C-alpha atoms as a PDB file:
ATOM      1  CA  UNK A   1     -12.750  29.957   7.468  1.00  0.00           C
ATOM      2  CA  UNK A   2     -13.275  26.941   9.738  1.00  0.00           C
ATOM      3  CA  UNK A   3     -13.820  24.773   6.659  1.00  0.00           C
ATOM      4  CA  UNK A   4     -10.464  25.866   5.237  1.00  0.00           C
ATOM      5  CA  UNK A   5      -8.724  25.101   8.533  1.00  0.00           C
ATOM      6  CA  UNK A   6     -10.290  21.649   8.596  1.00  0.00           C
ATOM      7  CA  UNK A   7      -9.308  21.080   4.948  1.00  0.00           C
ATOM      8  CA  UNK A   8      -5.675  22.024   5.651  1.00  0.00           C
ATOM      9  CA  UNK A   9      -5.526  19.912   8.810  1.00  0.00           C
ATOM     10  CA  UNK A  10      -7.006  16.906   6.990  1.00  0.00           C
ATOM     11  CA  UNK A  11      -4.540  17.419   4.148  1.00  0.00           C
ATOM     12  CA  UNK A  12      -1.507  17.413   6.436  1.00  0.00           C
ATOM     13  CA  UNK A  13      -2.911  14.520   8.456  1.00  0.00           C
ATOM     14  CA  UNK A  14      -2.870  12.337   5.331  1.00  0.00           C
ATOM     15  CA  UNK A  15       0.820  12.988   4.756  1.00  0.00           C
ATOM     16  CA  UNK A  16       3.570  11.457   6.835  1.00  0.00           C
ATOM     17  CA  UNK A  17       3.433  14.476   9.161  1.00  0.00           C
ATOM     18  CA  UNK A  18       1.982  13.769  12.615  1.00  0.00           C
ATOM     19  CA  UNK A  19      -1.407  15.517  12.490  1.00  0.00           C
ATOM     20  CA  UNK A  20      -4.801  14.268  13.613  1.00  0.00           C
ATOM     21  CA  UNK A  21      -7.654  15.082  11.297  1.00  0.00           C
ATOM     22  CA  UNK A  22     -10.066  13.096  13.454  1.00  0.00           C
ATOM     23  CA  UNK A  23      -9.586  15.443  16.411  1.00  0.00           C
ATOM     24  CA  UNK A  24     -10.009  18.505  14.188  1.00  0.00           C
ATOM     25  CA  UNK A  25     -13.082  16.929  12.597  1.00  0.00           C
ATOM     26  CA  UNK A  26     -14.711  16.275  15.969  1.00  0.00           C
ATOM     27  CA  UNK A  27     -13.917  19.825  17.137  1.00  0.00           C
ATOM     28  CA  UNK A  28     -15.471  21.171  13.933  1.00  0.00           C
ATOM     29  CA  UNK A  29     -18.640  19.155  14.528  1.00  0.00           C
ATOM     30  CA  UNK A  30     -18.810  20.260  18.167  1.00  0.00           C
ATOM     31  CA  UNK A  31     -18.407  23.900  17.132  1.00  0.00           C
ATOM     32  CA  UNK A  32     -21.635  23.728  15.144  1.00  0.00           C
ATOM     33  CA  UNK A  33     -20.110  23.330  11.680  1.00  0.00           C
ATOM     34  CA  UNK A  34     -22.644  21.535   9.551  1.00  0.00           C
ATOM     35  CA  UNK A  35     -22.008  17.844   9.110  1.00  0.00           C
ATOM     36  CA  UNK A  36     -21.969  18.216   5.332  1.00  0.00           C
ATOM     37  CA  UNK A  37     -19.405  21.048   5.404  1.00  0.00           C
ATOM     38  CA  UNK A  38     -17.212  19.115   7.826  1.00  0.00           C
ATOM     39  CA  UNK A  39     -17.436  15.940   5.722  1.00  0.00           C
ATOM     40  CA  UNK A  40     -16.639  17.762   2.473  1.00  0.00           C
ATOM     41  CA  UNK A  41     -13.775  19.793   3.957  1.00  0.00           C
ATOM     42  CA  UNK A  42     -12.086  16.908   5.757  1.00  0.00           C
ATOM     43  CA  UNK A  43     -12.644  14.330   3.010  1.00  0.00           C
ATOM     44  CA  UNK A  44     -11.457  16.569   0.191  1.00  0.00           C
ATOM     45  CA  UNK A  45      -8.330  17.620   2.109  1.00  0.00           C
ATOM     46  CA  UNK A  46      -7.542  14.022   2.983  1.00  0.00           C
ATOM     47  CA  UNK A  47      -8.182  12.751  -0.546  1.00  0.00           C
ATOM     48  CA  UNK A  48      -6.058  15.498  -2.109  1.00  0.00           C
ATOM     49  CA  UNK A  49      -3.193  14.511   0.191  1.00  0.00           C
ATOM     50  CA  UNK A  50      -3.385  10.819  -0.706  1.00  0.00           C
ATOM     51  CA  UNK A  51      -3.261  11.830  -4.368  1.00  0.00           C
ATOM     52  CA  UNK A  52      -0.064  13.769  -3.617  1.00  0.00           C
ATOM     53  CA  UNK A  53       1.271  10.717  -1.740  1.00  0.00           C
ATOM     54  CA  UNK A  54       0.453   8.443  -4.674  1.00  0.00           C
ATOM     55  CA  UNK A  55       2.302  10.634  -7.150  1.00  0.00           C
ATOM     56  CA  UNK A  56       5.221  11.020  -4.770  1.00  0.00           C
ATOM     57  CA  UNK A  57       5.529   7.224  -4.750  1.00  0.00           C
ATOM     58  CA  UNK A  58       4.973   7.122  -8.507  1.00  0.00           C
ATOM     59  CA  UNK A  59       7.892   9.474  -9.129  1.00  0.00           C
ATOM     60  CA  UNK A  60      10.059   7.773  -6.518  1.00  0.00           C
ATOM     61  CA  UNK A  61       9.760   4.618  -8.587  1.00  0.00           C
ATOM     62  CA  UNK A  62      11.506   6.310 -11.501  1.00  0.00           C
ATOM     63  CA  UNK A  63      14.501   7.231  -9.360  1.00  0.00           C
ATOM     64  CA  UNK A  64      14.664   3.975  -7.405  1.00  0.00           C
ATOM     65  CA  UNK A  65      13.615   1.448 -10.048  1.00  0.00           C
ATOM     66  CA  UNK A  66      17.096   0.219 -10.866  1.00  0.00           C
ATOM     67  CA  UNK A  67      18.018  -0.273  -7.207  1.00  0.00           C
ATOM     68  CA  UNK A  68      14.658  -1.813  -6.354  1.00  0.00           C
ATOM     69  CA  UNK A  69      14.568  -4.376  -9.135  1.00  0.00           C
ATOM     70  CA  UNK A  70      18.265  -5.362  -8.898  1.00  0.00           C
ATOM     71  CA  UNK A  71      17.969  -6.947  -5.475  1.00  0.00           C
ATOM     72  CA  UNK A  72      16.110 -10.191  -4.941  1.00  0.00           C
ATOM     73  CA  UNK A  73      14.189  -8.806  -1.955  1.00  0.00           C
ATOM     74  CA  UNK A  74      13.389  -5.571  -3.799  1.00  0.00           C
ATOM     75  CA  UNK A  75      12.072  -7.416  -6.828  1.00  0.00           C
ATOM     76  CA  UNK A  76      10.018  -9.776  -4.651  1.00  0.00           C
ATOM     77  CA  UNK A  77       8.635  -6.841  -2.635  1.00  0.00           C
ATOM     78  CA  UNK A  78       7.714  -4.936  -5.781  1.00  0.00           C
ATOM     79  CA  UNK A  79       5.797  -7.843  -7.270  1.00  0.00           C
ATOM     80  CA  UNK A  80       4.189  -8.662  -3.925  1.00  0.00           C
ATOM     81  CA  UNK A  81       3.061  -5.039  -3.578  1.00  0.00           C
ATOM     82  CA  UNK A  82       1.735  -5.000  -7.103  1.00  0.00           C
ATOM     83  CA  UNK A  83      -0.132  -8.269  -6.608  1.00  0.00           C
ATOM     84  CA  UNK A  84      -1.654  -7.502  -3.184  1.00  0.00           C
ATOM     85  CA  UNK A  85      -1.557  -3.714  -3.197  1.00  0.00           C
ATOM     86  CA  UNK A  86      -5.282  -3.237  -3.693  1.00  0.00           C
ATOM     87  CA  UNK A  87      -6.013  -5.427  -0.685  1.00  0.00           C
ATOM     88  CA  UNK A  88      -3.431  -3.509   1.339  1.00  0.00           C
ATOM     89  CA  UNK A  89      -5.289  -0.301   0.476  1.00  0.00           C
ATOM     90  CA  UNK A  90      -8.155  -1.566   2.615  1.00  0.00           C
ATOM     91  CA  UNK A  91      -5.934  -0.550   5.546  1.00  0.00           C
ATOM     92  CA  UNK A  92      -5.075   2.863   4.098  1.00  0.00           C
ATOM     93  CA  UNK A  93      -7.530   4.650   6.376  1.00  0.00           C
ATOM     94  CA  UNK A  94      -5.701   3.531   9.523  1.00  0.00           C
ATOM     95  CA  UNK A  95      -3.433   5.922  11.418  1.00  0.00           C
ATOM     96  CA  UNK A  96       0.336   5.406  11.073  1.00  0.00           C
ATOM     97  CA  UNK A  97       0.234   2.668   8.419  1.00  0.00           C
ATOM     98  CA  UNK A  98      -2.340   4.117   6.050  1.00  0.00           C
ATOM     99  CA  UNK A  99      -0.449   7.105   4.717  1.00  0.00           C
ATOM    100  CA  UNK A 100       2.729   5.181   3.836  1.00  0.00           C
ATOM    101  CA  UNK A 101       0.510   2.653   2.040  1.00  0.00           C
ATOM    102  CA  UNK A 102      -0.705   5.434  -0.261  1.00  0.00           C
ATOM    103  CA  UNK A 103       2.911   6.225  -1.160  1.00  0.00           C
ATOM    104  CA  UNK A 104       3.648   2.535  -1.773  1.00  0.00           C
ATOM    105  CA  UNK A 105       0.577   2.344  -4.031  1.00  0.00           C
ATOM    106  CA  UNK A 106       2.222   4.860  -6.336  1.00  0.00           C
ATOM    107  CA  UNK A 107       5.615   3.198  -6.010  1.00  0.00           C
ATOM    108  CA  UNK A 108       4.285  -0.161  -7.180  1.00  0.00           C
ATOM    109  CA  UNK A 109       2.240   1.594  -9.861  1.00  0.00           C
ATOM    110  CA  UNK A 110      -1.250   0.508  -8.864  1.00  0.00           C
ATOM    111  CA  UNK A 111      -3.857   1.840 -11.262  1.00  0.00           C
ATOM    112  CA  UNK A 112      -4.675   5.349 -10.126  1.00  0.00           C
ATOM    113  CA  UNK A 113      -8.445   5.133 -10.589  1.00  0.00           C
ATOM    114  CA  UNK A 114      -8.720   1.999  -8.415  1.00  0.00           C
ATOM    115  CA  UNK A 115      -6.382   3.522  -5.863  1.00  0.00           C
ATOM    116  CA  UNK A 116      -8.542   6.642  -5.706  1.00  0.00           C
ATOM    117  CA  UNK A 117     -11.797   4.709  -5.452  1.00  0.00           C
ATOM    118  CA  UNK A 118     -10.586   2.375  -2.697  1.00  0.00           C
ATOM    119  CA  UNK A 119      -8.542   4.786  -0.592  1.00  0.00           C
ATOM    120  CA  UNK A 120     -10.821   7.780  -1.208  1.00  0.00           C
ATOM    121  CA  UNK A 121     -14.047   6.008  -0.313  1.00  0.00           C
ATOM    122  CA  UNK A 122     -12.469   4.644   2.857  1.00  0.00           C
ATOM    123  CA  UNK A 123     -11.466   8.173   3.876  1.00  0.00           C
ATOM    124  CA  UNK A 124     -15.039   9.395   3.437  1.00  0.00           C
ATOM    125  CA  UNK A 125     -16.403   6.391   5.349  1.00  0.00           C
ATOM    126  CA  UNK A 126     -14.036   7.112   8.232  1.00  0.00           C
ATOM    127  CA  UNK A 127     -15.380  10.665   8.594  1.00  0.00           C
ATOM    128  CA  UNK A 128     -18.960   9.452   8.217  1.00  0.00           C
ATOM    129  CA  UNK A 129     -18.369   6.917  10.985  1.00  0.00           C
ATOM    130  CA  UNK A 130     -17.051   9.727  13.198  1.00  0.00           C
ATOM    131  CA  UNK A 131     -20.232  11.758  12.611  1.00  0.00           C
ATOM    132  CA  UNK A 132     -22.315   8.776  13.695  1.00  0.00           C
ATOM    133  CA  UNK A 133     -20.212   8.197  16.821  1.00  0.00           C
ATOM    134  CA  UNK A 134     -20.061  11.875  17.788  1.00  0.00           C
END
């Protein structure tokens, strides 16, 4: 039951809603949840949410493409995001800026597999780092 709670908290924390999966993760570790269970629950919830974010951005592109590519700034932003988007994903684990970056990754149509590898691995590393610190 605690694993499910951690999964749900980590899922919502990776959306644009103001949740903290790190606090829930630390509480789970302090309450004698095994490190492996905590890592799997938090990481899988967080990764599932960034997948949802990616596809939200992906489908937003379809509805906003004409507006985005008509303006000079929109076109420049789109191509800039497409060119440097993978590097920007290196910051996707950060609070506040990371979750919108996962939506933008879908919006600029970064390749899903590379998005998942970069952003997903960074999410797992973040929780691993927390286990080392705690």
